[in-house]
Amino acid sequence: RAKLEPTRTNVIADQFFAELREKHDVDDAIFLVDGAVPLHRACEKHGLDFRYERHGNRNSVERVFREIKRRTTSFSNCFSNAEAETADEWLRSFAFAWNQLI
């Protein structure tokens, strides 16, 4: 599980890849990135292989993230007055249940 951020900056990209390397074995992975300079810099800083991809496989990934964004907006509407811990606990429970089905 990774944190989703609404913007792309050097600091956020760096934190994302640092956390990703800490939690997962990504040394052999090739990351498909768009033209965002923060992503290129963060991959280089952490010694990760990446490939600039304007179309193709990256579009499939973007469709997944677009769907996650759509569902997150719906989720946000359901938990608009809830404490952050309540929403986080619900997401953890949902992720556990979902992973049991896969």
PDB file of N, CA and C in Angstrom:
ATOM      1  N   ARG A   1       0.840  -1.169   0.000  1.00  0.00           N
ATOM      2  CA  ARG A   1       0.000   0.000   0.000  1.00  0.00           C
ATOM      3  C   ARG A   1       0.881   1.225   0.000  1.00  0.00           C
ATOM      4  N   ALA A   2       0.567   2.179  -0.825  1.00  0.00           N
ATOM      5  CA  ALA A   2       1.343   3.417  -0.909  1.00  0.00           C
ATOM      6  C   ALA A   2       0.414   4.603  -0.715  1.00  0.00           C
ATOM      7  N   LYS A   3       0.994   5.696  -0.294  1.00  0.00           N
ATOM      8  CA  LYS A   3       0.219   6.916  -0.130  1.00  0.00           C
ATOM      9  C   LYS A   3      -0.028   7.525  -1.503  1.00  0.00           C
ATOM     10  N   LEU A   4      -1.244   8.007  -1.716  1.00  0.00           N
ATOM     11  CA  LEU A   4      -1.560   8.701  -2.951  1.00  0.00           C
ATOM     12  C   LEU A   4      -1.548  10.191  -2.674  1.00  0.00           C
ATOM     13  N   GLU A   5      -0.880  10.939  -3.499  1.00  0.00           N
ATOM     14  CA  GLU A   5      -0.766  12.373  -3.319  1.00  0.00           C
ATOM     15  C   GLU A   5      -1.433  13.084  -4.495  1.00  0.00           C
ATOM     16  N   PRO A   6      -2.027  14.236  -4.250  1.00  0.00           N
ATOM     17  CA  PRO A   6      -2.720  14.946  -5.334  1.00  0.00           C
ATOM     18  C   PRO A   6      -1.790  15.689  -6.284  1.00  0.00           C
ATOM     19  N   THR A   7      -0.523  15.842  -5.947  1.00  0.00           N
ATOM     20  CA  THR A   7       0.407  16.586  -6.788  1.00  0.00           C
ATOM     21  C   THR A   7       1.676  15.787  -7.004  1.00  0.00           C
ATOM     22  N   ARG A   8       2.467  16.247  -7.959  1.00  0.00           N
ATOM     23  CA  ARG A   8       3.759  15.615  -8.214  1.00  0.00           C
ATOM     24  C   ARG A   8       4.839  16.663  -7.989  1.00  0.00           C
ATOM     25  N   THR A   9       5.644  16.452  -6.979  1.00  0.00           N
ATOM     26  CA  THR A   9       6.786  17.325  -6.718  1.00  0.00           C
ATOM     27  C   THR A   9       8.004  16.450  -6.493  1.00  0.00           C
ATOM     28  N   ASN A  10       9.168  17.085  -6.467  1.00  0.00           N
ATOM     29  CA  ASN A  10      10.400  16.320  -6.227  1.00  0.00           C
ATOM     30  C   ASN A  10      10.353  15.621  -4.882  1.00  0.00           C
ATOM     31  N   VAL A  11       9.879  16.318  -3.845  1.00  0.00           N
ATOM     32  CA  VAL A  11       9.857  15.734  -2.498  1.00  0.00           C
ATOM     33  C   VAL A  11       8.903  14.545  -2.434  1.00  0.00           C
ATOM     34  N   ILE A  12       7.719  14.703  -2.983  1.00  0.00           N
ATOM     35  CA  ILE A  12       6.728  13.617  -2.940  1.00  0.00           C
ATOM     36  C   ILE A  12       7.211  12.424  -3.753  1.00  0.00           C
ATOM     37  N   ALA A  13       7.757  12.666  -4.932  1.00  0.00           N
ATOM     38  CA  ALA A  13       8.268  11.564  -5.752  1.00  0.00           C
ATOM     39  C   ALA A  13       9.405  10.845  -5.036  1.00  0.00           C
ATOM     40  N   ASP A  14      10.284  11.619  -4.408  1.00  0.00           N
ATOM     41  CA  ASP A  14      11.401  11.028  -3.664  1.00  0.00           C
ATOM     42  C   ASP A  14      10.887  10.178  -2.509  1.00  0.00           C
ATOM     43  N   GLN A  15       9.923  10.689  -1.756  1.00  0.00           N
ATOM     44  CA  GLN A  15       9.351   9.935  -0.636  1.00  0.00           C
ATOM     45  C   GLN A  15       8.678   8.665  -1.129  1.00  0.00           C
ATOM     46  N   PHE A  16       7.951   8.766  -2.237  1.00  0.00           N
ATOM     47  CA  PHE A  16       7.252   7.609  -2.777  1.00  0.00           C
ATOM     48  C   PHE A  16       8.219   6.485  -3.129  1.00  0.00           C
ATOM     49  N   PHE A  17       9.287   6.820  -3.872  1.00  0.00           N
ATOM     50  CA  PHE A  17      10.231   5.788  -4.283  1.00  0.00           C
ATOM     51  C   PHE A  17      11.063   5.277  -3.114  1.00  0.00           C
ATOM     52  N   ALA A  18      11.345   6.139  -2.146  1.00  0.00           N
ATOM     53  CA  ALA A  18      12.067   5.678  -0.946  1.00  0.00           C
ATOM     54  C   ALA A  18      11.222   4.655  -0.196  1.00  0.00           C
ATOM     55  N   GLU A  19       9.933   4.949  -0.030  1.00  0.00           N
ATOM     56  CA  GLU A  19       9.028   4.024   0.659  1.00  0.00           C
ATOM     57  C   GLU A  19       8.844   2.745  -0.149  1.00  0.00           C
ATOM     58  N   LEU A  20       8.741   2.886  -1.450  1.00  0.00           N
ATOM     59  CA  LEU A  20       8.575   1.718  -2.318  1.00  0.00           C
ATOM     60  C   LEU A  20       9.785   0.790  -2.211  1.00  0.00           C
ATOM     61  N   ARG A  21      10.988   1.352  -2.239  1.00  0.00           N
ATOM     62  CA  ARG A  21      12.211   0.536  -2.123  1.00  0.00           C
ATOM     63  C   ARG A  21      12.315  -0.111  -0.764  1.00  0.00           C
ATOM     64  N   GLU A  22      11.847   0.590   0.263  1.00  0.00           N
ATOM     65  CA  GLU A  22      11.916   0.063   1.627  1.00  0.00           C
ATOM     66  C   GLU A  22      10.989  -1.137   1.808  1.00  0.00           C
ATOM     67  N   LYS A  23       9.817  -1.080   1.191  1.00  0.00           N
ATOM     68  CA  LYS A  23       8.796  -2.103   1.419  1.00  0.00           C
ATOM     69  C   LYS A  23       8.797  -3.223   0.385  1.00  0.00           C
ATOM     70  N   HIS A  24       9.362  -2.984  -0.785  1.00  0.00           N
ATOM     71  CA  HIS A  24       9.272  -3.969  -1.865  1.00  0.00           C
ATOM     72  C   HIS A  24      10.616  -4.123  -2.570  1.00  0.00           C
ATOM     73  N   ASP A  25      10.821  -5.285  -3.169  1.00  0.00           N
ATOM     74  CA  ASP A  25      12.018  -5.543  -3.955  1.00  0.00           C
ATOM     75  C   ASP A  25      11.748  -5.064  -5.383  1.00  0.00           C
ATOM     76  N   VAL A  26      12.212  -3.871  -5.692  1.00  0.00           N
ATOM     77  CA  VAL A  26      11.939  -3.281  -7.004  1.00  0.00           C
ATOM     78  C   VAL A  26      13.221  -3.077  -7.818  1.00  0.00           C
ATOM     79  N   ASP A  27      14.303  -3.711  -7.397  1.00  0.00           N
ATOM     80  CA  ASP A  27      15.577  -3.511  -8.090  1.00  0.00           C
ATOM     81  C   ASP A  27      15.531  -3.940  -9.553  1.00  0.00           C
ATOM     82  N   ASP A  28      14.748  -4.955  -9.882  1.00  0.00           N
ATOM     83  CA  ASP A  28      14.673  -5.441 -11.255  1.00  0.00           C
ATOM     84  C   ASP A  28      13.507  -4.834 -12.039  1.00  0.00           C
ATOM     85  N   ALA A  29      12.722  -3.973 -11.408  1.00  0.00           N
ATOM     86  CA  ALA A  29      11.541  -3.393 -12.057  1.00  0.00           C
ATOM     87  C   ALA A  29      11.935  -2.266 -13.006  1.00  0.00           C
ATOM     88  N   ILE A  30      11.143  -2.096 -14.042  1.00  0.00           N
ATOM     89  CA  ILE A  30      11.277  -0.951 -14.940  1.00  0.00           C
ATOM     90  C   ILE A  30       9.996  -0.144 -14.794  1.00  0.00           C
ATOM     91  N   PHE A  31      10.139   1.102 -14.379  1.00  0.00           N
ATOM     92  CA  PHE A  31       8.988   1.968 -14.149  1.00  0.00           C
ATOM     93  C   PHE A  31       8.657   2.733 -15.418  1.00  0.00           C
ATOM     94  N   LEU A  32       7.382   2.694 -15.800  1.00  0.00           N
ATOM     95  CA  LEU A  32       6.922   3.446 -16.954  1.00  0.00           C
ATOM     96  C   LEU A  32       6.470   4.813 -16.445  1.00  0.00           C
ATOM     97  N   VAL A  33       7.114   5.863 -16.915  1.00  0.00           N
ATOM     98  CA  VAL A  33       6.800   7.203 -16.431  1.00  0.00           C
ATOM     99  C   VAL A  33       6.466   8.116 -17.594  1.00  0.00           C
ATOM    100  N   ASP A  34       5.735   9.178 -17.265  1.00  0.00           N
ATOM    101  CA  ASP A  34       5.432  10.176 -18.279  1.00  0.00           C
ATOM    102  C   ASP A  34       6.528  11.235 -18.256  1.00  0.00           C
ATOM    103  N   GLY A  35       6.253  12.404 -18.767  1.00  0.00           N
ATOM    104  CA  GLY A  35       7.263  13.444 -18.864  1.00  0.00           C
ATOM    105  C   GLY A  35       7.519  14.209 -17.579  1.00  0.00           C
ATOM    106  N   ALA A  36       6.944  13.795 -16.467  1.00  0.00           N
ATOM    107  CA  ALA A  36       7.104  14.519 -15.208  1.00  0.00           C
ATOM    108  C   ALA A  36       8.547  14.441 -14.720  1.00  0.00           C
ATOM    109  N   VAL A  37       9.192  15.569 -14.665  1.00  0.00           N
ATOM    110  CA  VAL A  37      10.588  15.637 -14.244  1.00  0.00           C
ATOM    111  C   VAL A  37      10.796  15.066 -12.834  1.00  0.00           C
ATOM    112  N   PRO A  38       9.896  15.331 -11.868  1.00  0.00           N
ATOM    113  CA  PRO A  38      10.107  14.763 -10.528  1.00  0.00           C
ATOM    114  C   PRO A  38      10.214  13.239 -10.522  1.00  0.00           C
ATOM    115  N   LEU A  39       9.460  12.569 -11.384  1.00  0.00           N
ATOM    116  CA  LEU A  39       9.540  11.107 -11.450  1.00  0.00           C
ATOM    117  C   LEU A  39      10.890  10.657 -11.998  1.00  0.00           C
ATOM    118  N   HIS A  40      11.369  11.327 -13.029  1.00  0.00           N
ATOM    119  CA  HIS A  40      12.673  10.986 -13.607  1.00  0.00           C
ATOM    120  C   HIS A  40      13.769  11.177 -12.558  1.00  0.00           C
ATOM    121  N   ARG A  41      13.753  12.323 -11.882  1.00  0.00           N
ATOM    122  CA  ARG A  41      14.783  12.614 -10.877  1.00  0.00           C
ATOM    123  C   ARG A  41      14.759  11.600  -9.736  1.00  0.00           C
ATOM    124  N   ALA A  42      13.548  11.277  -9.268  1.00  0.00           N
ATOM    125  CA  ALA A  42      13.437  10.338  -8.145  1.00  0.00           C
ATOM    126  C   ALA A  42      13.924   8.950  -8.544  1.00  0.00           C
ATOM    127  N   CYS A  43      13.573   8.499  -9.730  1.00  0.00           N
ATOM    128  CA  CYS A  43      14.049   7.187 -10.195  1.00  0.00           C
ATOM    129  C   CYS A  43      15.574   7.175 -10.275  1.00  0.00           C
ATOM    130  N   GLU A  44      16.145   8.224 -10.834  1.00  0.00           N
ATOM    131  CA  GLU A  44      17.605   8.295 -10.936  1.00  0.00           C
ATOM    132  C   GLU A  44      18.254   8.341  -9.560  1.00  0.00           C
ATOM    133  N   LYS A  45      17.685   9.125  -8.649  1.00  0.00           N
ATOM    134  CA  LYS A  45      18.244   9.251  -7.302  1.00  0.00           C
ATOM    135  C   LYS A  45      18.273   7.915  -6.575  1.00  0.00           C
ATOM    136  N   HIS A  46      17.231   7.110  -6.769  1.00  0.00           N
ATOM    137  CA  HIS A  46      17.131   5.828  -6.070  1.00  0.00           C
ATOM    138  C   HIS A  46      17.680   4.665  -6.894  1.00  0.00           C
ATOM    139  N   GLY A  47      18.303   4.978  -8.026  1.00  0.00           N
ATOM    140  CA  GLY A  47      18.931   3.941  -8.841  1.00  0.00           C
ATOM    141  C   GLY A  47      17.942   2.988  -9.480  1.00  0.00           C
ATOM    142  N   LEU A  48      16.757   3.477  -9.812  1.00  0.00           N
ATOM    143  CA  LEU A  48      15.719   2.639 -10.409  1.00  0.00           C
ATOM    144  C   LEU A  48      15.684   2.840 -11.920  1.00  0.00           C
ATOM    145  N   ASP A  49      15.447   1.751 -12.640  1.00  0.00           N
ATOM    146  CA  ASP A  49      15.307   1.835 -14.091  1.00  0.00           C
ATOM    147  C   ASP A  49      13.920   2.362 -14.435  1.00  0.00           C
ATOM    148  N   PHE A  50      13.890   3.261 -15.409  1.00  0.00           N
ATOM    149  CA  PHE A  50      12.599   3.764 -15.853  1.00  0.00           C
ATOM    150  C   PHE A  50      12.639   3.983 -17.355  1.00  0.00           C
ATOM    151  N   ARG A  51      11.458   4.014 -17.923  1.00  0.00           N
ATOM    152  CA  ARG A  51      11.334   4.230 -19.365  1.00  0.00           C
ATOM    153  C   ARG A  51      10.228   5.251 -19.589  1.00  0.00           C
ATOM    154  N   TYR A  52      10.546   6.264 -20.361  1.00  0.00           N
ATOM    155  CA  TYR A  52       9.542   7.258 -20.734  1.00  0.00           C
ATOM    156  C   TYR A  52       8.570   6.608 -21.690  1.00  0.00           C
ATOM    157  N   GLU A  53       7.305   6.694 -21.382  1.00  0.00           N
ATOM    158  CA  GLU A  53       6.286   6.049 -22.194  1.00  0.00           C
ATOM    159  C   GLU A  53       5.115   7.019 -22.329  1.00  0.00           C
ATOM    160  N   ARG A  54       4.927   7.519 -23.537  1.00  0.00           N
ATOM    161  CA  ARG A  54       3.845   8.485 -23.734  1.00  0.00           C
ATOM    162  C   ARG A  54       2.512   7.780 -23.960  1.00  0.00           C
ATOM    163  N   HIS A  55       2.533   6.699 -24.646  1.00  0.00           N
ATOM    164  CA  HIS A  55       1.316   5.918 -24.926  1.00  0.00           C
ATOM    165  C   HIS A  55       1.638   4.459 -24.647  1.00  0.00           C
ATOM    166  N   GLY A  56       0.761   3.579 -24.996  1.00  0.00           N
ATOM    167  CA  GLY A  56       1.032   2.148 -24.856  1.00  0.00           C
ATOM    168  C   GLY A  56       0.705   1.623 -23.467  1.00  0.00           C
ATOM    169  N   ASN A  57       1.628   0.847 -22.892  1.00  0.00           N
ATOM    170  CA  ASN A  57       1.388   0.188 -21.613  1.00  0.00           C
ATOM    171  C   ASN A  57       1.049   1.174 -20.498  1.00  0.00           C
ATOM    172  N   ARG A  58       1.638   2.365 -20.556  1.00  0.00           N
ATOM    173  CA  ARG A  58       1.381   3.344 -19.512  1.00  0.00           C
ATOM    174  C   ARG A  58      -0.096   3.712 -19.478  1.00  0.00           C
ATOM    175  N   ASN A  59      -0.764   3.698 -20.640  1.00  0.00           N
ATOM    176  CA  ASN A  59      -2.184   4.029 -20.681  1.00  0.00           C
ATOM    177  C   ASN A  59      -3.011   3.048 -19.864  1.00  0.00           C
ATOM    178  N   SER A  60      -2.628   1.787 -19.876  1.00  0.00           N
ATOM    179  CA  SER A  60      -3.347   0.785 -19.070  1.00  0.00           C
ATOM    180  C   SER A  60      -3.224   1.108 -17.594  1.00  0.00           C
ATOM    181  N   VAL A  61      -2.042   1.481 -17.177  1.00  0.00           N
ATOM    182  CA  VAL A  61      -1.825   1.844 -15.774  1.00  0.00           C
ATOM    183  C   VAL A  61      -2.624   3.092 -15.430  1.00  0.00           C
ATOM    184  N   GLU A  62      -2.628   4.059 -16.332  1.00  0.00           N
ATOM    185  CA  GLU A  62      -3.370   5.292 -16.068  1.00  0.00           C
ATOM    186  C   GLU A  62      -4.872   5.035 -15.969  1.00  0.00           C
ATOM    187  N   ARG A  63      -5.380   4.083 -16.741  1.00  0.00           N
ATOM    188  CA  ARG A  63      -6.798   3.739 -16.628  1.00  0.00           C
ATOM    189  C   ARG A  63      -7.107   3.198 -15.235  1.00  0.00           C
ATOM    190  N   VAL A  64      -6.203   2.376 -14.703  1.00  0.00           N
ATOM    191  CA  VAL A  64      -6.383   1.850 -13.350  1.00  0.00           C
ATOM    192  C   VAL A  64      -6.398   2.998 -12.347  1.00  0.00           C
ATOM    193  N   PHE A  65      -5.433   3.915 -12.461  1.00  0.00           N
ATOM    194  CA  PHE A  65      -5.378   5.033 -11.520  1.00  0.00           C
ATOM    195  C   PHE A  65      -6.575   5.974 -11.676  1.00  0.00           C
ATOM    196  N   ARG A  66      -7.058   6.141 -12.892  1.00  0.00           N
ATOM    197  CA  ARG A  66      -8.255   6.967 -13.109  1.00  0.00           C
ATOM    198  C   ARG A  66      -9.448   6.336 -12.381  1.00  0.00           C
ATOM    199  N   GLU A  67      -9.550   5.013 -12.456  1.00  0.00           N
ATOM    200  CA  GLU A  67     -10.627   4.319 -11.756  1.00  0.00           C
ATOM    201  C   GLU A  67     -10.453   4.426 -10.248  1.00  0.00           C
ATOM    202  N   ILE A  68      -9.219   4.311  -9.769  1.00  0.00           N
ATOM    203  CA  ILE A  68      -8.965   4.474  -8.330  1.00  0.00           C
ATOM    204  C   ILE A  68      -9.357   5.882  -7.890  1.00  0.00           C
ATOM    205  N   LYS A  69      -9.006   6.866  -8.697  1.00  0.00           N
ATOM    206  CA  LYS A  69      -9.354   8.249  -8.365  1.00  0.00           C
ATOM    207  C   LYS A  69     -10.873   8.423  -8.313  1.00  0.00           C
ATOM    208  N   ARG A  70     -11.576   7.832  -9.283  1.00  0.00           N
ATOM    209  CA  ARG A  70     -13.038   7.929  -9.309  1.00  0.00           C
ATOM    210  C   ARG A  70     -13.641   7.292  -8.061  1.00  0.00           C
ATOM    211  N   ARG A  71     -13.143   6.111  -7.722  1.00  0.00           N
ATOM    212  CA  ARG A  71     -13.670   5.421  -6.551  1.00  0.00           C
ATOM    213  C   ARG A  71     -13.287   6.119  -5.254  1.00  0.00           C
ATOM    214  N   THR A  72     -12.102   6.713  -5.232  1.00  0.00           N
ATOM    215  CA  THR A  72     -11.660   7.440  -4.039  1.00  0.00           C
ATOM    216  C   THR A  72     -12.553   8.647  -3.808  1.00  0.00           C
ATOM    217  N   THR A  73     -12.946   9.325  -4.876  1.00  0.00           N
ATOM    218  CA  THR A  73     -13.854  10.461  -4.744  1.00  0.00           C
ATOM    219  C   THR A  73     -15.186   9.998  -4.166  1.00  0.00           C
ATOM    220  N   SER A  74     -15.698   8.885  -4.658  1.00  0.00           N
ATOM    221  CA  SER A  74     -16.941   8.334  -4.111  1.00  0.00           C
ATOM    222  C   SER A  74     -16.765   7.947  -2.652  1.00  0.00           C
ATOM    223  N   PHE A  75     -15.632   7.344  -2.355  1.00  0.00           N
ATOM    224  CA  PHE A  75     -15.323   6.947  -0.980  1.00  0.00           C
ATOM    225  C   PHE A  75     -15.272   8.174  -0.080  1.00  0.00           C
ATOM    226  N   SER A  76     -14.640   9.228  -0.568  1.00  0.00           N
ATOM    227  CA  SER A  76     -14.527  10.467   0.203  1.00  0.00           C
ATOM    228  C   SER A  76     -15.903  11.034   0.516  1.00  0.00           C
ATOM    229  N   ASN A  77     -16.813  10.938  -0.431  1.00  0.00           N
ATOM    230  CA  ASN A  77     -18.170  11.430  -0.193  1.00  0.00           C
ATOM    231  C   ASN A  77     -18.871  10.632   0.906  1.00  0.00           C
ATOM    232  N   CYS A  78     -18.568   9.347   1.004  1.00  0.00           N
ATOM    233  CA  CYS A  78     -19.194   8.499   2.032  1.00  0.00           C
ATOM    234  C   CYS A  78     -18.619   8.769   3.419  1.00  0.00           C
ATOM    235  N   PHE A  79     -17.362   9.161   3.487  1.00  0.00           N
ATOM    236  CA  PHE A  79     -16.689   9.350   4.772  1.00  0.00           C
ATOM    237  C   PHE A  79     -16.338  10.821   5.021  1.00  0.00           C
ATOM    238  N   SER A  80     -17.131  11.734   4.480  1.00  0.00           N
ATOM    239  CA  SER A  80     -16.774  13.149   4.556  1.00  0.00           C
ATOM    240  C   SER A  80     -16.712  13.680   5.983  1.00  0.00           C
ATOM    241  N   ASN A  81     -17.485  13.116   6.910  1.00  0.00           N
ATOM    242  CA  ASN A  81     -17.484  13.602   8.298  1.00  0.00           C
ATOM    243  C   ASN A  81     -16.787  12.643   9.259  1.00  0.00           C
ATOM    244  N   ALA A  82     -16.163  11.615   8.729  1.00  0.00           N
ATOM    245  CA  ALA A  82     -15.520  10.615   9.582  1.00  0.00           C
ATOM    246  C   ALA A  82     -14.101  11.040   9.936  1.00  0.00           C
ATOM    247  N   GLU A  83     -13.628  10.514  11.040  1.00  0.00           N
ATOM    248  CA  GLU A  83     -12.234  10.732  11.424  1.00  0.00           C
ATOM    249  C   GLU A  83     -11.324   9.989  10.442  1.00  0.00           C
ATOM    250  N   ALA A  84     -10.136  10.510  10.260  1.00  0.00           N
ATOM    251  CA  ALA A  84      -9.181   9.886   9.332  1.00  0.00           C
ATOM    252  C   ALA A  84      -8.885   8.442   9.738  1.00  0.00           C
ATOM    253  N   GLU A  85      -8.803   8.179  11.046  1.00  0.00           N
ATOM    254  CA  GLU A  85      -8.522   6.820  11.512  1.00  0.00           C
ATOM    255  C   GLU A  85      -9.643   5.854  11.127  1.00  0.00           C
ATOM    256  N   THR A  86     -10.884   6.324  11.168  1.00  0.00           N
ATOM    257  CA  THR A  86     -12.024   5.484  10.786  1.00  0.00           C
ATOM    258  C   THR A  86     -11.934   5.097   9.319  1.00  0.00           C
ATOM    259  N   ALA A  87     -11.656   6.072   8.465  1.00  0.00           N
ATOM    260  CA  ALA A  87     -11.535   5.795   7.038  1.00  0.00           C
ATOM    261  C   ALA A  87     -10.350   4.870   6.764  1.00  0.00           C
ATOM    262  N   ASP A  88      -9.235   5.106   7.446  1.00  0.00           N
ATOM    263  CA  ASP A  88      -8.051   4.261   7.251  1.00  0.00           C
ATOM    264  C   ASP A  88      -8.326   2.826   7.679  1.00  0.00           C
ATOM    265  N   GLU A  89      -8.996   2.650   8.799  1.00  0.00           N
ATOM    266  CA  GLU A  89      -9.338   1.301   9.271  1.00  0.00           C
ATOM    267  C   GLU A  89     -10.262   0.599   8.279  1.00  0.00           C
ATOM    268  N   TRP A  90     -11.214   1.350   7.731  1.00  0.00           N
ATOM    269  CA  TRP A  90     -12.127   0.773   6.748  1.00  0.00           C
ATOM    270  C   TRP A  90     -11.337   0.334   5.509  1.00  0.00           C
ATOM    271  N   LEU A  91     -10.405   1.181   5.048  1.00  0.00           N
ATOM    272  CA  LEU A  91      -9.598   0.827   3.880  1.00  0.00           C
ATOM    273  C   LEU A  91      -8.738  -0.400   4.136  1.00  0.00           C
ATOM    274  N   ARG A  92      -8.169  -0.492   5.326  1.00  0.00           N
ATOM    275  CA  ARG A  92      -7.360  -1.679   5.663  1.00  0.00           C
ATOM    276  C   ARG A  92      -8.227  -2.940   5.651  1.00  0.00           C
ATOM    277  N   SER A  93      -9.420  -2.843   6.208  1.00  0.00           N
ATOM    278  CA  SER A  93     -10.343  -3.983   6.225  1.00  0.00           C
ATOM    279  C   SER A  93     -10.750  -4.368   4.810  1.00  0.00           C
ATOM    280  N   PHE A  94     -11.045  -3.363   3.991  1.00  0.00           N
ATOM    281  CA  PHE A  94     -11.433  -3.616   2.612  1.00  0.00           C
ATOM    282  C   PHE A  94     -10.289  -4.279   1.846  1.00  0.00           C
ATOM    283  N   ALA A  95      -9.068  -3.751   2.012  1.00  0.00           N
ATOM    284  CA  ALA A  95      -7.906  -4.322   1.313  1.00  0.00           C
ATOM    285  C   ALA A  95      -7.690  -5.780   1.722  1.00  0.00           C
ATOM    286  N   PHE A  96      -7.837  -6.060   3.015  1.00  0.00           N
ATOM    287  CA  PHE A  96      -7.683  -7.438   3.484  1.00  0.00           C
ATOM    288  C   PHE A  96      -8.722  -8.343   2.829  1.00  0.00           C
ATOM    289  N   ALA A  97      -9.978  -7.900   2.849  1.00  0.00           N
ATOM    290  CA  ALA A  97     -11.055  -8.706   2.259  1.00  0.00           C
ATOM    291  C   ALA A  97     -10.828  -8.893   0.757  1.00  0.00           C
ATOM    292  N   TRP A  98     -10.455  -7.832   0.072  1.00  0.00           N
ATOM    293  CA  TRP A  98     -10.212  -7.902  -1.369  1.00  0.00           C
ATOM    294  C   TRP A  98      -9.087  -8.881  -1.684  1.00  0.00           C
ATOM    295  N   ASN A  99      -8.008  -8.815  -0.924  1.00  0.00           N
ATOM    296  CA  ASN A  99      -6.868  -9.702  -1.167  1.00  0.00           C
ATOM    297  C   ASN A  99      -7.209 -11.158  -0.885  1.00  0.00           C
ATOM    298  N   GLN A 100      -8.172 -11.414  -0.036  1.00  0.00           N
ATOM    299  CA  GLN A 100      -8.607 -12.787   0.215  1.00  0.00           C
ATOM    300  C   GLN A 100      -9.362 -13.351  -0.984  1.00  0.00           C
ATOM    301  N   LEU A 101     -10.014 -12.467  -1.748  1.00  0.00           N
ATOM    302  CA  LEU A 101     -10.785 -12.900  -2.910  1.00  0.00           C
ATOM    303  C   LEU A 101      -9.903 -13.176  -4.127  1.00  0.00           C
ATOM    304  N   ILE A 102      -8.747 -12.548  -4.175  1.00  0.00           N
ATOM    305  CA  ILE A 102      -7.892 -12.653  -5.367  1.00  0.00           C
ATOM    306  C   ILE A 102      -7.089 -13.922  -5.358  1.00  0.00           C
TER     307      ILE A 102
END
